[in-house]
């Protein structure tokens, strides 16, 4: 989902039509206040927001959403961009900063980049959720597995039996959805990013 926030109806309509041409789902808001009041936080998406708007800027909207735990990729668009505004936007965690008039391909590339970031966030959150389901001992066993230790070495390191290690390994495979050491390592690394 793309959430488009711009106080200029003509810009909002033009971008809405362009994005629909590429069959991208778009929800439009005429102001940051409208966005804050009606944004479906359960449906992660990409924010495309104008920088300068009355009452609250697009950057302030981004910062407020971040403070509320909504860490979605944000593309800031502006007709009045300067180096200071651009630097401030990137320091605040904005994904891209585009100046109007926006070239179609530039916008589509920015959306693709934001989508990749959104996918990475979803993958990281999923990995973290899987790891949260582990007991402390399972987590210890997993960390030793990812260091390349075998069951006997893990048993010696944790002062438990090999059979207990194998039981933990089976539980890990069940909870993480994979018995592959490479996949388990990838999950641990993804969650740590």
C-alpha atoms as a PDB file:
ATOM      1  CA  UNK A   1       0.000   0.000   0.000  1.00  0.00           C
ATOM      2  CA  UNK A   2       1.164   3.506  -0.793  1.00  0.00           C
ATOM      3  CA  UNK A   3      -0.031   6.339   1.416  1.00  0.00           C
ATOM      4  CA  UNK A   4       0.120   9.665  -0.405  1.00  0.00           C
ATOM      5  CA  UNK A   5      -0.044  12.877   1.641  1.00  0.00           C
ATOM      6  CA  UNK A   6      -0.132  16.206  -0.209  1.00  0.00           C
ATOM      7  CA  UNK A   7      -2.186  19.333   0.451  1.00  0.00           C
ATOM      8  CA  UNK A   8      -2.249  20.265  -3.261  1.00  0.00           C
ATOM      9  CA  UNK A   9      -5.247  18.486  -4.851  1.00  0.00           C
ATOM     10  CA  UNK A  10      -3.788  18.665  -8.371  1.00  0.00           C
ATOM     11  CA  UNK A  11      -0.506  17.032  -7.296  1.00  0.00           C
ATOM     12  CA  UNK A  12      -2.358  14.448  -5.238  1.00  0.00           C
ATOM     13  CA  UNK A  13      -4.639  13.581  -8.167  1.00  0.00           C
ATOM     14  CA  UNK A  14      -1.801  13.427 -10.701  1.00  0.00           C
ATOM     15  CA  UNK A  15       0.322  11.145  -8.525  1.00  0.00           C
ATOM     16  CA  UNK A  16      -2.708   9.020  -7.659  1.00  0.00           C
ATOM     17  CA  UNK A  17      -3.490   8.487 -11.341  1.00  0.00           C
ATOM     18  CA  UNK A  18       0.151   7.747 -12.169  1.00  0.00           C
ATOM     19  CA  UNK A  19       0.433   5.132  -9.427  1.00  0.00           C
ATOM     20  CA  UNK A  20      -2.870   3.540 -10.408  1.00  0.00           C
ATOM     21  CA  UNK A  21      -1.559   3.258 -13.980  1.00  0.00           C
ATOM     22  CA  UNK A  22       1.085   0.914 -12.573  1.00  0.00           C
ATOM     23  CA  UNK A  23      -1.592  -0.922 -10.541  1.00  0.00           C
ATOM     24  CA  UNK A  24      -0.099   0.240  -7.249  1.00  0.00           C
ATOM     25  CA  UNK A  25      -2.640   0.488  -4.417  1.00  0.00           C
ATOM     26  CA  UNK A  26      -2.864   4.084  -3.180  1.00  0.00           C
ATOM     27  CA  UNK A  27      -4.654   5.798  -0.327  1.00  0.00           C
ATOM     28  CA  UNK A  28      -4.607   9.599  -0.415  1.00  0.00           C
ATOM     29  CA  UNK A  29      -4.683  12.079   2.455  1.00  0.00           C
ATOM     30  CA  UNK A  30      -5.020  15.846   2.085  1.00  0.00           C
ATOM     31  CA  UNK A  31      -3.031  16.670   5.214  1.00  0.00           C
ATOM     32  CA  UNK A  32      -0.799  15.108   7.862  1.00  0.00           C
ATOM     33  CA  UNK A  33      -3.660  15.440  10.379  1.00  0.00           C
ATOM     34  CA  UNK A  34      -5.953  13.500   8.000  1.00  0.00           C
ATOM     35  CA  UNK A  35      -3.254  10.842   7.657  1.00  0.00           C
ATOM     36  CA  UNK A  36      -2.735  10.527  11.417  1.00  0.00           C
ATOM     37  CA  UNK A  37      -6.477  10.248  11.995  1.00  0.00           C
ATOM     38  CA  UNK A  38      -7.187   7.626   9.321  1.00  0.00           C
ATOM     39  CA  UNK A  39      -3.947   5.723   8.649  1.00  0.00           C
ATOM     40  CA  UNK A  40      -4.390   1.952   8.916  1.00  0.00           C
ATOM     41  CA  UNK A  41      -1.331   1.089  11.008  1.00  0.00           C
ATOM     42  CA  UNK A  42      -2.073  -2.632  10.640  1.00  0.00           C
ATOM     43  CA  UNK A  43      -1.340  -2.401   6.903  1.00  0.00           C
ATOM     44  CA  UNK A  44       2.337  -1.441   6.470  1.00  0.00           C
ATOM     45  CA  UNK A  45       3.123   0.588   3.401  1.00  0.00           C
ATOM     46  CA  UNK A  46       5.164   3.329   1.835  1.00  0.00           C
ATOM     47  CA  UNK A  47       4.554   6.954   2.717  1.00  0.00           C
ATOM     48  CA  UNK A  48       4.903   9.567  -0.007  1.00  0.00           C
ATOM     49  CA  UNK A  49       4.553  12.967   1.582  1.00  0.00           C
ATOM     50  CA  UNK A  50       4.969  16.572   0.547  1.00  0.00           C
ATOM     51  CA  UNK A  51       7.603  18.385   2.572  1.00  0.00           C
ATOM     52  CA  UNK A  52       5.835  21.719   3.020  1.00  0.00           C
ATOM     53  CA  UNK A  53       2.238  21.681   4.176  1.00  0.00           C
ATOM     54  CA  UNK A  54       0.291  23.939   6.545  1.00  0.00           C
ATOM     55  CA  UNK A  55       0.243  23.040  10.260  1.00  0.00           C
ATOM     56  CA  UNK A  56       2.649  20.099   9.948  1.00  0.00           C
ATOM     57  CA  UNK A  57       5.373  19.330   7.411  1.00  0.00           C
ATOM     58  CA  UNK A  58       5.805  15.941   5.782  1.00  0.00           C
ATOM     59  CA  UNK A  59       9.025  15.523   7.747  1.00  0.00           C
ATOM     60  CA  UNK A  60       7.219  16.250  11.034  1.00  0.00           C
ATOM     61  CA  UNK A  61       4.596  13.675  10.034  1.00  0.00           C
ATOM     62  CA  UNK A  62       7.347  11.120   9.405  1.00  0.00           C
ATOM     63  CA  UNK A  63       8.958  11.891  12.770  1.00  0.00           C
ATOM     64  CA  UNK A  64       5.630  11.668  14.614  1.00  0.00           C
ATOM     65  CA  UNK A  65       4.813   8.312  13.015  1.00  0.00           C
ATOM     66  CA  UNK A  66       8.298   7.026  13.884  1.00  0.00           C
ATOM     67  CA  UNK A  67       7.735   8.092  17.506  1.00  0.00           C
ATOM     68  CA  UNK A  68       4.499   6.035  17.426  1.00  0.00           C
ATOM     69  CA  UNK A  69       6.403   2.971  16.182  1.00  0.00           C
ATOM     70  CA  UNK A  70       5.362   3.299  12.535  1.00  0.00           C
ATOM     71  CA  UNK A  71       8.746   2.776  10.859  1.00  0.00           C
ATOM     72  CA  UNK A  72       7.669   2.610   7.239  1.00  0.00           C
ATOM     73  CA  UNK A  73       9.764   3.785   4.311  1.00  0.00           C
ATOM     74  CA  UNK A  74       9.058   7.444   3.570  1.00  0.00           C
ATOM     75  CA  UNK A  75       9.608   9.319   0.329  1.00  0.00           C
ATOM     76  CA  UNK A  76       9.556  13.097   0.743  1.00  0.00           C
ATOM     77  CA  UNK A  77       8.584  15.190  -2.278  1.00  0.00           C
ATOM     78  CA  UNK A  78       8.974  18.938  -2.522  1.00  0.00           C
ATOM     79  CA  UNK A  79       8.923  21.844  -4.890  1.00  0.00           C
ATOM     80  CA  UNK A  80      11.163  23.838  -2.547  1.00  0.00           C
ATOM     81  CA  UNK A  81      14.003  21.467  -1.767  1.00  0.00           C
ATOM     82  CA  UNK A  82      17.285  22.704  -0.434  1.00  0.00           C
ATOM     83  CA  UNK A  83      20.377  20.954   0.876  1.00  0.00           C
ATOM     84  CA  UNK A  84      19.504  21.634   4.529  1.00  0.00           C
ATOM     85  CA  UNK A  85      16.006  20.119   4.168  1.00  0.00           C
ATOM     86  CA  UNK A  86      17.410  17.120   2.310  1.00  0.00           C
ATOM     87  CA  UNK A  87      20.095  16.497   4.950  1.00  0.00           C
ATOM     88  CA  UNK A  88      17.539  16.822   7.762  1.00  0.00           C
ATOM     89  CA  UNK A  89      15.196  14.387   6.004  1.00  0.00           C
ATOM     90  CA  UNK A  90      17.857  11.712   5.596  1.00  0.00           C
ATOM     91  CA  UNK A  91      19.014  12.128   9.210  1.00  0.00           C
ATOM     92  CA  UNK A  92      15.382  11.528  10.253  1.00  0.00           C
ATOM     93  CA  UNK A  93      15.403   8.212   8.373  1.00  0.00           C
ATOM     94  CA  UNK A  94      13.596   9.182   5.171  1.00  0.00           C
ATOM     95  CA  UNK A  95      14.142   6.683   2.348  1.00  0.00           C
ATOM     96  CA  UNK A  96      14.233   9.192  -0.517  1.00  0.00           C
ATOM     97  CA  UNK A  97      13.937  12.918  -1.218  1.00  0.00           C
ATOM     98  CA  UNK A  98      12.522  13.969  -4.599  1.00  0.00           C
ATOM     99  CA  UNK A  99      11.965  17.410  -6.088  1.00  0.00           C
ATOM    100  CA  UNK A 100       8.890  18.394  -8.105  1.00  0.00           C
ATOM    101  CA  UNK A 101       8.197  18.001 -10.917  1.00  0.00           C
ATOM    102  CA  UNK A 102       8.960  14.351 -10.310  1.00  0.00           C
ATOM    103  CA  UNK A 103      10.041  12.230 -13.225  1.00  0.00           C
ATOM    104  CA  UNK A 104       7.956   9.090 -13.524  1.00  0.00           C
ATOM    105  CA  UNK A 105      10.931   6.686 -13.570  1.00  0.00           C
ATOM    106  CA  UNK A 106      12.567   8.420 -10.616  1.00  0.00           C
ATOM    107  CA  UNK A 107       9.407   8.012  -8.550  1.00  0.00           C
ATOM    108  CA  UNK A 108       9.006   4.364  -9.560  1.00  0.00           C
ATOM    109  CA  UNK A 109      12.642   3.636  -8.645  1.00  0.00           C
ATOM    110  CA  UNK A 110      12.149   5.331  -5.268  1.00  0.00           C
ATOM    111  CA  UNK A 111       9.019   3.221  -4.666  1.00  0.00           C
ATOM    112  CA  UNK A 112      10.883   0.034  -5.638  1.00  0.00           C
ATOM    113  CA  UNK A 113      13.692   0.900  -3.232  1.00  0.00           C
ATOM    114  CA  UNK A 114      11.161   1.652  -0.476  1.00  0.00           C
ATOM    115  CA  UNK A 115       9.376  -1.645  -1.189  1.00  0.00           C
ATOM    116  CA  UNK A 116      12.665  -3.519  -0.835  1.00  0.00           C
ATOM    117  CA  UNK A 117      13.222  -1.816   2.514  1.00  0.00           C
ATOM    118  CA  UNK A 118       9.676  -2.677   3.611  1.00  0.00           C
ATOM    119  CA  UNK A 119      10.255  -6.328   2.633  1.00  0.00           C
ATOM    120  CA  UNK A 120      13.520  -6.385   4.624  1.00  0.00           C
ATOM    121  CA  UNK A 121      11.734  -4.917   7.649  1.00  0.00           C
ATOM    122  CA  UNK A 122       9.015  -7.575   7.386  1.00  0.00           C
ATOM    123  CA  UNK A 123      11.625 -10.333   7.090  1.00  0.00           C
ATOM    124  CA  UNK A 124      13.537  -8.954  10.098  1.00  0.00           C
ATOM    125  CA  UNK A 125      10.341  -8.719  12.181  1.00  0.00           C
ATOM    126  CA  UNK A 126       9.368 -12.271  11.232  1.00  0.00           C
ATOM    127  CA  UNK A 127      12.830 -13.571  12.195  1.00  0.00           C
ATOM    128  CA  UNK A 128      12.681 -11.727  15.515  1.00  0.00           C
ATOM    129  CA  UNK A 129       9.220 -13.140  16.215  1.00  0.00           C
ATOM    130  CA  UNK A 130      10.458 -16.676  15.536  1.00  0.00           C
ATOM    131  CA  UNK A 131      13.439 -16.179  17.839  1.00  0.00           C
ATOM    132  CA  UNK A 132      11.209 -14.774  20.614  1.00  0.00           C
ATOM    133  CA  UNK A 133       9.446 -18.148  20.726  1.00  0.00           C
ATOM    134  CA  UNK A 134      12.660 -19.869  21.860  1.00  0.00           C
ATOM    135  CA  UNK A 135      13.481 -20.674  25.452  1.00  0.00           C
ATOM    136  CA  UNK A 136      16.739 -19.356  26.889  1.00  0.00           C
ATOM    137  CA  UNK A 137      18.370 -22.811  26.584  1.00  0.00           C
ATOM    138  CA  UNK A 138      17.172 -23.199  22.973  1.00  0.00           C
ATOM    139  CA  UNK A 139      18.676 -19.804  22.204  1.00  0.00           C
ATOM    140  CA  UNK A 140      22.005 -20.906  23.720  1.00  0.00           C
ATOM    141  CA  UNK A 141      21.951 -24.106  21.657  1.00  0.00           C
ATOM    142  CA  UNK A 142      21.105 -22.122  18.508  1.00  0.00           C
ATOM    143  CA  UNK A 143      24.014 -19.734  19.025  1.00  0.00           C
ATOM    144  CA  UNK A 144      26.411 -22.642  19.428  1.00  0.00           C
ATOM    145  CA  UNK A 145      24.965 -24.392  16.365  1.00  0.00           C
ATOM    146  CA  UNK A 146      25.531 -21.255  14.285  1.00  0.00           C
ATOM    147  CA  UNK A 147      29.159 -21.198  15.479  1.00  0.00           C
ATOM    148  CA  UNK A 148      29.601 -24.610  13.868  1.00  0.00           C
ATOM    149  CA  UNK A 149      29.575 -26.799  16.964  1.00  0.00           C
ATOM    150  CA  UNK A 150      28.195 -30.329  16.793  1.00  0.00           C
ATOM    151  CA  UNK A 151      25.867 -31.902  19.344  1.00  0.00           C
ATOM    152  CA  UNK A 152      28.717 -33.411  21.417  1.00  0.00           C
ATOM    153  CA  UNK A 153      30.548 -30.069  21.564  1.00  0.00           C
ATOM    154  CA  UNK A 154      27.354 -28.232  22.505  1.00  0.00           C
ATOM    155  CA  UNK A 155      26.618 -30.802  25.211  1.00  0.00           C
ATOM    156  CA  UNK A 156      30.103 -30.312  26.673  1.00  0.00           C
ATOM    157  CA  UNK A 157      29.884 -26.503  26.478  1.00  0.00           C
ATOM    158  CA  UNK A 158      26.496 -26.389  28.217  1.00  0.00           C
ATOM    159  CA  UNK A 159      27.169 -29.332  30.545  1.00  0.00           C
ATOM    160  CA  UNK A 160      24.119 -31.261  29.340  1.00  0.00           C
ATOM    161  CA  UNK A 161      23.665 -34.626  27.610  1.00  0.00           C
ATOM    162  CA  UNK A 162      23.895 -35.097  23.850  1.00  0.00           C
ATOM    163  CA  UNK A 163      20.352 -36.445  23.931  1.00  0.00           C
ATOM    164  CA  UNK A 164      19.153 -33.168  25.520  1.00  0.00           C
ATOM    165  CA  UNK A 165      20.991 -31.198  22.833  1.00  0.00           C
ATOM    166  CA  UNK A 166      19.299 -33.286  20.136  1.00  0.00           C
ATOM    167  CA  UNK A 167      15.926 -32.630  21.775  1.00  0.00           C
ATOM    168  CA  UNK A 168      16.636 -28.877  21.726  1.00  0.00           C
ATOM    169  CA  UNK A 169      17.725 -29.112  18.086  1.00  0.00           C
ATOM    170  CA  UNK A 170      14.434 -30.810  17.192  1.00  0.00           C
ATOM    171  CA  UNK A 171      12.478 -28.096  19.037  1.00  0.00           C
ATOM    172  CA  UNK A 172      14.510 -25.415  17.249  1.00  0.00           C
ATOM    173  CA  UNK A 173      13.732 -26.961  13.867  1.00  0.00           C
ATOM    174  CA  UNK A 174      10.043 -27.071  14.769  1.00  0.00           C
ATOM    175  CA  UNK A 175       9.842 -23.501  16.101  1.00  0.00           C
ATOM    176  CA  UNK A 176      11.992 -21.926  13.392  1.00  0.00           C
ATOM    177  CA  UNK A 177      10.481 -23.966  10.567  1.00  0.00           C
ATOM    178  CA  UNK A 178      13.841 -25.303   9.447  1.00  0.00           C
ATOM    179  CA  UNK A 179      16.471 -27.780  10.568  1.00  0.00           C
ATOM    180  CA  UNK A 180      19.038 -26.324   8.195  1.00  0.00           C
ATOM    181  CA  UNK A 181      21.992 -24.783  10.023  1.00  0.00           C
ATOM    182  CA  UNK A 182      22.411 -22.303   7.161  1.00  0.00           C
ATOM    183  CA  UNK A 183      18.763 -21.193   7.422  1.00  0.00           C
ATOM    184  CA  UNK A 184      18.925 -20.976  11.200  1.00  0.00           C
ATOM    185  CA  UNK A 185      22.066 -18.846  10.908  1.00  0.00           C
ATOM    186  CA  UNK A 186      20.350 -16.627   8.337  1.00  0.00           C
ATOM    187  CA  UNK A 187      17.400 -16.144  10.699  1.00  0.00           C
ATOM    188  CA  UNK A 188      19.732 -15.178  13.557  1.00  0.00           C
ATOM    189  CA  UNK A 189      21.643 -12.733  11.342  1.00  0.00           C
ATOM    190  CA  UNK A 190      18.458 -11.252   9.862  1.00  0.00           C
ATOM    191  CA  UNK A 191      17.017 -10.641  13.319  1.00  0.00           C
ATOM    192  CA  UNK A 192      20.238  -8.934  14.423  1.00  0.00           C
ATOM    193  CA  UNK A 193      20.290  -6.406  11.559  1.00  0.00           C
END
